[in-house]
Amino acid sequence: VYSVLLVHYQSRLPCGRTPFRSNFLNGSVRLNSSPSAVPPPVQDMVARVNASLFNLMKYYEDLIGLTEVKIAQRLVLEAERDFTKTQESRREKQDEIREIQSRLKEIHVELDKTSRGEDRYLNLLTQEHSVIKQERQLMDDFKRLERSERDCFTILSNRLRDSHEKERERAEKTKYGSIIGSIVCGMIGIVGGTIVNRGRLKEIKNIVKDSSESAHLQILTEELASAVDKQQSKINNFINELNGMLTNKPTFQSVEKGAFSSLETLATSEDVRNDEQIDTILAALKIQDDKLVEEMNEIKRLIAVKSGQDLINCGESNGKSVIYIGPDLRTMLDETEKSLESKIKLSTLVQVVAVYGTLAITLPLLYAWLR
């Protein structure tokens, strides 16, 4: 029973950690034990590194409860050595008792063969008396060693039970520590993912907004420039025709001279009888200018609508979805964006509160359970 129990305990000993640290320390001693091969600064640095690693390893072992497990294992090994030593002593006493008993049997046989009148009979009786005394002393020692063996076995069993309990506690701490670490890492991942997703969403919205506004403004600018050029050419032609009709002179050669410079030239070269005609022409030009402003505003609106339709047609031809966004639709999209952003913030806040609430409930329970 004792041997089976010891084999079972030795098979359960996690002996993979202690040799590592002992080998590590032995390696550091070997490095430090050769001063002729390694310079003193390097030795000091290696010693500091070894001390730091040793302290870090010790702190880790204390944190996970491995130090208590090693202490319990050391006590178990000491109890095992005491038990083995007591068992060997008990076996030696038992062998001595067997020898004494065999010697006593031989004396009894000799006494049966020897006559009581002989001197040898008295010597055999004396030997028998001394052997019986030795046997009694050995029996007392054997009983004492047997009790000590039982006590050592009880101590070994208790320490073995304590060692198993420490190992179980360490396994529980490791398990719950991994669970807590997973929860904390998950919470950090949720918060970090929320922040990263929010930043990406903001960048995407800015990129889409800038690209849509720049493309839209570029198209409107091109259309407006072409329309202004056409209207300017028409105005120039109209002014040149009026100038030719009134002065019978060649038309202006460039647009940059302007209508008002030609009218001033016309006013200086004409007689007083043409003043009424000039006033009429200026009034007509003013009316035409007002109408031109109205038409240009209308052209801007039509160009905006046409550019939106062109974008839609271009998107459909390229297999992409392009939509013209007017002022009302842009306002509605901004409101929708703000609403979605507020909902995202609310859902993130709910998740964070739920995680913190779970931790606030779980940690006291784990502390109470581990304590």
Protein backbone atom coordinates (compact mmCIF):
# COMPACT_ATOMS: atom_id res chain seq x y z
CA VAL A 1 0.00 0.00 0.00
CA TYR A 2 2.82 2.41 0.89
CA SER A 3 4.71 1.74 -2.35
CA VAL A 4 1.56 2.16 -4.49
CA LEU A 5 0.77 5.47 -2.76
CA LEU A 6 4.31 6.77 -3.29
CA VAL A 7 4.35 5.76 -6.96
CA HIS A 8 0.99 7.51 -7.45
CA TYR A 9 2.28 10.68 -5.78
CA GLN A 10 5.53 10.71 -7.79
CA SER A 11 3.56 10.31 -11.02
CA ARG A 12 1.51 13.42 -10.09
CA LEU A 13 4.46 15.66 -9.19
CA PRO A 14 4.81 18.56 -11.69
CA CYS A 15 8.58 18.38 -11.72
CA GLY A 16 8.99 20.25 -15.00
CA ARG A 17 9.30 23.71 -13.44
CA THR A 18 11.83 23.25 -10.66
CA PRO A 19 14.59 21.75 -12.86
CA PHE A 20 14.18 24.68 -15.25
CA ARG A 21 14.87 27.22 -12.54
CA SER A 22 17.68 25.15 -11.05
CA ASN A 23 19.27 24.70 -14.49
CA PHE A 24 18.83 28.43 -15.11
CA LEU A 25 20.53 29.27 -11.84
CA ASN A 26 23.25 26.71 -12.50
CA GLY A 27 23.82 28.31 -15.89
CA SER A 28 24.11 31.72 -14.29
CA VAL A 29 26.58 30.33 -11.76
CA ARG A 30 28.63 28.81 -14.56
CA LEU A 31 28.67 32.16 -16.37
CA ASN A 32 29.73 34.00 -13.23
CA SER A 33 32.28 31.37 -12.19
CA SER A 34 34.66 32.11 -15.07
CA PRO A 35 36.04 35.61 -14.38
CA SER A 36 39.01 35.12 -16.68
CA ALA A 37 36.78 34.53 -19.74
CA VAL A 38 34.13 37.22 -19.07
CA PRO A 39 34.91 40.87 -18.24
CA PRO A 40 33.64 42.21 -14.88
CA PRO A 41 31.10 44.65 -16.42
CA VAL A 42 29.57 41.80 -18.38
CA GLN A 43 29.49 39.67 -15.23
CA ASP A 44 27.69 42.43 -13.33
CA MET A 45 25.19 42.89 -16.15
CA VAL A 46 24.57 39.13 -16.33
CA ALA A 47 24.16 38.99 -12.55
CA ARG A 48 21.63 41.84 -12.62
CA VAL A 49 19.74 40.21 -15.47
CA ASN A 50 19.71 36.88 -13.64
CA ALA A 51 18.48 38.55 -10.44
CA SER A 52 15.75 40.41 -12.33
CA LEU A 53 14.61 37.25 -14.09
CA PHE A 54 14.70 35.31 -10.83
CA ASN A 55 12.59 37.96 -9.07
CA LEU A 56 10.18 38.07 -11.99
CA MET A 57 9.87 34.28 -11.98
CA LYS A 58 9.36 34.27 -8.21
CA TYR A 59 6.66 36.96 -8.45
CA TYR A 60 4.89 34.98 -11.18
CA GLU A 61 5.04 31.79 -9.11
CA ASP A 62 3.70 33.63 -6.05
CA LEU A 63 0.93 35.13 -8.15
CA ILE A 64 -0.33 31.83 -9.55
CA GLY A 65 0.24 29.93 -6.29
CA LEU A 66 3.10 27.76 -7.55
CA THR A 67 5.29 28.68 -4.57
CA GLU A 68 2.82 27.16 -2.13
CA VAL A 69 2.62 24.05 -4.30
CA LYS A 70 6.42 23.70 -4.25
CA ILE A 71 6.50 24.13 -0.47
CA ALA A 72 3.82 21.45 -0.09
CA GLN A 73 5.76 19.15 -2.42
CA ARG A 74 8.95 19.70 -0.44
CA LEU A 75 7.12 18.80 2.77
CA VAL A 76 5.76 15.70 1.08
CA LEU A 77 9.26 14.66 0.00
CA GLU A 78 10.56 15.21 3.55
CA ALA A 79 7.71 13.13 4.97
CA GLU A 80 8.47 10.47 2.37
CA ARG A 81 12.12 10.35 3.40
CA ASP A 82 11.17 10.09 7.09
CA PHE A 83 8.66 7.37 6.31
CA THR A 84 11.19 5.42 4.22
CA LYS A 85 13.85 5.74 6.91
CA THR A 86 11.47 4.57 9.65
CA GLN A 87 10.31 1.70 7.47
CA GLU A 88 13.89 0.55 6.89
CA SER A 89 14.60 0.72 10.63
CA ARG A 90 11.49 -1.32 11.36
CA ARG A 91 12.53 -3.94 8.82
CA GLU A 92 16.00 -4.15 10.35
CA LYS A 93 14.49 -4.68 13.80
CA GLN A 94 12.18 -7.28 12.36
CA ASP A 95 15.14 -9.15 10.84
CA GLU A 96 16.98 -8.99 14.17
CA ILE A 97 13.91 -10.38 15.94
CA ARG A 98 13.79 -13.26 13.47
CA GLU A 99 17.45 -14.02 14.11
CA ILE A 100 16.92 -13.90 17.88
CA GLN A 101 13.90 -16.17 17.60
CA SER A 102 15.82 -18.66 15.46
CA ARG A 103 18.67 -18.54 17.99
CA LEU A 104 16.18 -19.16 20.80
CA LYS A 105 14.78 -22.17 18.95
CA GLU A 106 18.27 -23.61 18.60
CA ILE A 107 18.84 -23.15 22.34
CA HIS A 108 15.58 -24.91 23.08
CA VAL A 109 16.60 -27.81 20.89
CA GLU A 110 19.97 -28.02 22.67
CA LEU A 111 18.22 -27.92 26.05
CA ASP A 112 15.99 -30.79 25.06
CA LYS A 113 19.02 -32.82 24.03
CA THR A 114 21.11 -31.97 27.10
CA SER A 115 20.64 -33.62 30.47
CA ARG A 116 19.97 -31.38 33.43
CA GLY A 117 22.85 -32.76 35.39
CA GLU A 118 25.41 -31.55 32.94
CA ASP A 119 27.22 -28.23 33.26
CA ARG A 120 26.37 -27.37 29.67
CA TYR A 121 22.69 -27.26 30.61
CA LEU A 122 23.34 -24.34 32.94
CA ASN A 123 25.18 -22.45 30.20
CA LEU A 124 22.28 -23.02 27.81
CA LEU A 125 19.84 -21.69 30.38
CA THR A 126 21.99 -18.59 30.82
CA GLN A 127 22.08 -18.08 27.04
CA GLU A 128 18.34 -18.58 26.84
CA HIS A 129 17.80 -15.94 29.51
CA SER A 130 19.99 -13.38 27.72
CA VAL A 131 18.39 -14.12 24.33
CA ILE A 132 14.92 -13.69 25.81
CA LYS A 133 15.96 -10.33 27.26
CA GLN A 134 17.31 -9.26 23.84
CA GLU A 135 14.13 -10.44 22.18
CA ARG A 136 12.02 -8.43 24.61
CA GLN A 137 14.14 -5.32 23.98
CA LEU A 138 13.91 -5.80 20.21
CA MET A 139 10.16 -6.28 20.42
CA ASP A 140 9.83 -2.99 22.31
CA ASP A 141 11.98 -1.24 19.70
CA PHE A 142 9.97 -2.89 16.92
CA LYS A 143 6.68 -1.68 18.39
CA ARG A 144 8.08 1.82 18.80
CA LEU A 145 9.31 1.86 15.18
CA GLU A 146 6.00 0.49 14.02
CA ARG A 147 4.13 3.31 15.78
CA SER A 148 6.60 5.82 14.32
CA GLU A 149 6.04 4.31 10.88
CA ARG A 150 2.29 4.70 11.24
CA ASP A 151 2.74 8.31 12.37
CA CYS A 152 5.05 9.04 9.42
CA PHE A 153 2.56 7.47 7.05
CA THR A 154 -0.22 9.62 8.53
CA ILE A 155 1.92 12.74 8.13
CA LEU A 156 2.76 11.73 4.57
CA SER A 157 -0.91 11.20 3.77
CA ASN A 158 -1.87 14.57 5.24
CA ARG A 159 0.89 16.39 3.41
CA LEU A 160 0.05 14.58 0.21
CA ARG A 161 -3.57 15.63 0.63
CA ASP A 162 -2.47 19.22 1.28
CA SER A 163 -0.27 19.13 -1.81
CA HIS A 164 -3.15 17.92 -3.95
CA GLU A 165 -5.35 20.65 -2.47
CA LYS A 166 -2.72 23.29 -3.28
CA GLU A 167 -2.46 21.97 -6.83
CA ARG A 168 -6.23 22.11 -7.18
CA GLU A 169 -6.30 25.69 -5.85
CA ARG A 170 -3.54 26.66 -8.28
CA ALA A 171 -5.48 25.12 -11.15
CA GLU A 172 -8.61 26.99 -10.06
CA LYS A 173 -6.70 30.27 -9.81
CA THR A 174 -5.20 29.72 -13.24
CA LYS A 175 -8.62 28.93 -14.70
CA TYR A 176 -10.37 31.92 -13.17
CA GLY A 177 -7.40 34.14 -13.96
CA SER A 178 -7.64 33.11 -17.61
CA ILE A 179 -11.39 33.81 -17.54
CA ILE A 180 -10.84 37.27 -16.04
CA GLY A 181 -8.05 37.95 -18.52
CA SER A 182 -10.32 36.91 -21.39
CA ILE A 183 -13.07 39.24 -20.12
CA VAL A 184 -10.65 42.16 -19.75
CA CYS A 185 -9.09 41.53 -23.17
CA GLY A 186 -12.56 41.26 -24.70
CA MET A 187 -13.58 44.55 -23.11
CA ILE A 188 -10.41 46.24 -24.35
CA GLY A 189 -11.03 44.79 -27.80
CA ILE A 190 -14.61 46.09 -27.82
CA VAL A 191 -13.55 49.59 -26.76
CA GLY A 192 -10.62 49.65 -29.18
CA GLY A 193 -12.74 48.30 -32.03
CA THR A 194 -15.41 50.90 -31.35
CA ILE A 195 -12.85 53.71 -31.39
CA VAL A 196 -11.20 52.42 -34.57
CA ASN A 197 -14.53 51.89 -36.33
CA ARG A 198 -15.66 55.37 -35.34
CA GLY A 199 -12.47 56.89 -36.72
CA ARG A 200 -12.76 54.92 -39.95
CA LEU A 201 -16.41 55.90 -40.34
CA LYS A 202 -15.51 59.55 -39.85
CA GLU A 203 -12.71 59.32 -42.42
CA ILE A 204 -14.99 57.58 -44.93
CA LYS A 205 -17.69 60.23 -44.46
CA ASN A 206 -15.16 63.02 -44.96
CA ILE A 207 -13.73 61.36 -48.07
CA VAL A 208 -17.17 60.77 -49.59
CA LYS A 209 -18.27 64.30 -48.75
CA ASP A 210 -15.13 65.90 -50.18
CA SER A 211 -15.17 63.78 -53.34
CA SER A 212 -18.88 64.39 -54.00
CA GLU A 213 -18.60 68.13 -53.37
CA SER A 214 -15.45 68.53 -55.48
CA ALA A 215 -16.86 66.56 -58.42
CA HIS A 216 -20.18 68.37 -58.22
CA LEU A 217 -18.54 71.81 -58.02
CA GLN A 218 -16.19 71.01 -60.89
CA ILE A 219 -19.06 70.01 -63.17
CA LEU A 220 -21.09 73.07 -62.20
CA THR A 221 -18.10 75.35 -62.78
CA GLU A 222 -17.46 73.94 -66.23
CA GLU A 223 -21.11 74.23 -67.25
CA LEU A 224 -21.39 77.74 -65.84
CA ALA A 225 -18.20 78.86 -67.58
CA SER A 226 -19.40 77.54 -70.92
CA ALA A 227 -22.80 79.21 -70.45
CA VAL A 228 -21.17 82.52 -69.48
CA ASP A 229 -18.92 82.33 -72.53
CA LYS A 230 -21.91 81.78 -74.79
CA GLN A 231 -23.86 84.63 -73.25
CA GLN A 232 -20.82 86.91 -73.43
CA SER A 233 -20.36 86.12 -77.10
CA LYS A 234 -24.04 86.84 -77.73
CA ILE A 235 -23.79 90.17 -75.88
CA ASN A 236 -20.70 91.12 -77.83
CA ASN A 237 -22.40 90.28 -81.11
CA PHE A 238 -25.47 92.25 -80.07
CA ILE A 239 -23.40 95.32 -79.10
CA ASN A 240 -21.40 95.11 -82.30
CA GLU A 241 -24.57 94.94 -84.37
CA LEU A 242 -25.99 97.98 -82.55
CA ASN A 243 -22.76 99.85 -83.03
CA GLY A 244 -22.75 99.07 -86.72
CA MET A 245 -26.34 100.14 -87.14
CA LEU A 246 -25.79 103.48 -85.37
CA THR A 247 -22.34 104.49 -86.55
CA ASN A 248 -21.93 102.47 -89.76
CA LYS A 249 -18.41 101.63 -88.51
CA PRO A 250 -16.63 98.28 -88.13
CA THR A 251 -17.52 96.17 -85.18
CA PHE A 252 -15.38 95.80 -82.15
CA GLN A 253 -12.51 93.38 -82.53
CA SER A 254 -12.35 92.11 -79.01
CA VAL A 255 -14.56 91.47 -76.05
CA GLU A 256 -12.15 93.03 -73.59
CA LYS A 257 -12.88 96.61 -74.80
CA GLY A 258 -16.42 96.23 -73.39
CA ALA A 259 -19.79 97.61 -74.30
CA PHE A 260 -19.49 100.80 -72.30
CA SER A 261 -16.26 101.91 -74.03
CA SER A 262 -17.89 101.49 -77.44
CA LEU A 263 -20.92 103.45 -76.26
CA GLU A 264 -18.69 106.29 -75.03
CA THR A 265 -16.92 106.36 -78.40
CA LEU A 266 -20.30 106.42 -80.10
CA ALA A 267 -21.50 109.29 -77.85
CA THR A 268 -18.43 111.43 -78.55
CA SER A 269 -18.70 110.98 -82.32
CA GLU A 270 -22.42 111.51 -82.79
CA ASP A 271 -24.48 114.65 -82.89
CA VAL A 272 -26.94 115.84 -80.35
CA ARG A 273 -29.72 114.39 -82.47
CA ASN A 274 -28.58 110.87 -81.57
CA ASP A 275 -28.77 111.43 -77.77
CA GLU A 276 -32.33 110.19 -77.57
CA GLN A 277 -31.40 107.06 -79.50
CA ILE A 278 -28.43 106.45 -77.16
CA ASP A 279 -30.62 106.85 -74.08
CA THR A 280 -33.09 104.42 -75.56
CA ILE A 281 -30.31 101.94 -76.29
CA LEU A 282 -28.89 102.26 -72.75
CA ALA A 283 -32.29 101.69 -71.22
CA ALA A 284 -32.75 98.67 -73.46
CA LEU A 285 -29.30 97.38 -72.43
CA LYS A 286 -30.16 97.82 -68.76
CA ILE A 287 -33.37 95.87 -69.21
CA GLN A 288 -31.43 93.27 -71.17
CA ASP A 289 -28.84 93.09 -68.37
CA ASP A 290 -31.53 92.43 -65.74
CA LYS A 291 -33.07 89.75 -67.89
CA LEU A 292 -29.61 88.28 -68.45
CA VAL A 293 -29.02 88.03 -64.69
CA GLU A 294 -32.34 86.23 -64.24
CA GLU A 295 -31.55 83.91 -67.13
CA MET A 296 -28.09 83.15 -65.68
CA ASN A 297 -29.62 82.25 -62.31
CA GLU A 298 -32.08 79.98 -64.08
CA ILE A 299 -29.21 78.51 -66.09
CA LYS A 300 -27.33 77.75 -62.84
CA ARG A 301 -30.31 75.87 -61.45
CA LEU A 302 -30.82 73.97 -64.72
CA ILE A 303 -27.11 73.15 -64.89
CA ALA A 304 -27.21 71.75 -61.34
CA VAL A 305 -30.20 69.56 -62.23
CA LYS A 306 -28.63 68.51 -65.52
CA SER A 307 -25.30 67.67 -63.84
CA GLY A 308 -27.15 65.47 -61.35
CA GLN A 309 -28.93 63.65 -64.18
CA ASP A 310 -25.63 63.25 -66.05
CA LEU A 311 -24.03 61.77 -62.95
CA ILE A 312 -26.94 59.36 -62.57
CA ASN A 313 -26.71 58.31 -66.23
CA CYS A 314 -22.93 57.95 -66.00
CA GLY A 315 -23.23 55.84 -62.85
CA GLU A 316 -25.83 53.59 -64.47
CA SER A 317 -23.66 53.13 -67.58
CA ASN A 318 -20.62 52.23 -65.43
CA GLY A 319 -22.63 49.88 -63.21
CA LYS A 320 -22.31 52.19 -60.19
CA SER A 321 -24.98 53.84 -58.13
CA VAL A 322 -24.66 57.68 -58.32
CA ILE A 323 -27.34 59.94 -56.88
CA TYR A 324 -27.64 63.71 -57.15
CA ILE A 325 -27.95 65.28 -53.74
CA GLY A 326 -29.96 68.47 -53.55
CA PRO A 327 -30.07 70.88 -50.61
CA ASP A 328 -33.16 69.29 -49.05
CA LEU A 329 -31.80 65.79 -49.49
CA ARG A 330 -28.43 66.87 -48.07
CA THR A 331 -30.15 68.29 -44.99
CA MET A 332 -32.11 65.09 -44.54
CA LEU A 333 -28.92 63.00 -44.91
CA ASP A 334 -27.13 65.14 -42.33
CA GLU A 335 -29.98 64.63 -39.86
CA THR A 336 -29.94 60.87 -40.55
CA GLU A 337 -26.19 60.80 -40.04
CA LYS A 338 -26.48 62.57 -36.69
CA SER A 339 -29.23 60.17 -35.62
CA LEU A 340 -27.12 57.13 -36.56
CA GLU A 341 -24.12 58.56 -34.76
CA SER A 342 -26.14 59.09 -31.58
CA LYS A 343 -27.49 55.53 -31.80
CA ILE A 344 -23.96 54.14 -32.24
CA LYS A 345 -22.77 56.11 -29.21
CA LEU A 346 -25.72 54.84 -27.17
CA SER A 347 -25.10 51.20 -28.15
CA THR A 348 -21.37 51.55 -27.34
CA LEU A 349 -22.22 53.06 -23.96
CA VAL A 350 -24.65 50.22 -23.23
CA GLN A 351 -21.98 47.63 -24.13
CA VAL A 352 -19.36 49.26 -21.91
CA VAL A 353 -21.81 49.56 -19.00
CA ALA A 354 -22.80 45.90 -19.43
CA VAL A 355 -19.17 44.75 -19.42
CA TYR A 356 -18.31 46.83 -16.35
CA GLY A 357 -21.45 45.62 -14.60
CA THR A 358 -20.51 42.01 -15.34
CA LEU A 359 -17.02 42.60 -13.98
CA ALA A 360 -18.39 44.33 -10.89
CA ILE A 361 -20.59 41.31 -10.18
CA THR A 362 -18.09 38.62 -11.19
CA LEU A 363 -14.96 39.84 -9.40
CA PRO A 364 -16.43 39.84 -5.84
CA LEU A 365 -17.87 36.38 -6.43
CA LEU A 366 -14.51 35.10 -7.70
CA TYR A 367 -12.73 36.71 -4.76
CA ALA A 368 -15.15 35.13 -2.30
CA TRP A 369 -14.81 31.78 -4.06
CA LEU A 370 -10.99 31.83 -4.17
CA ARG A 371 -10.68 33.04 -0.60
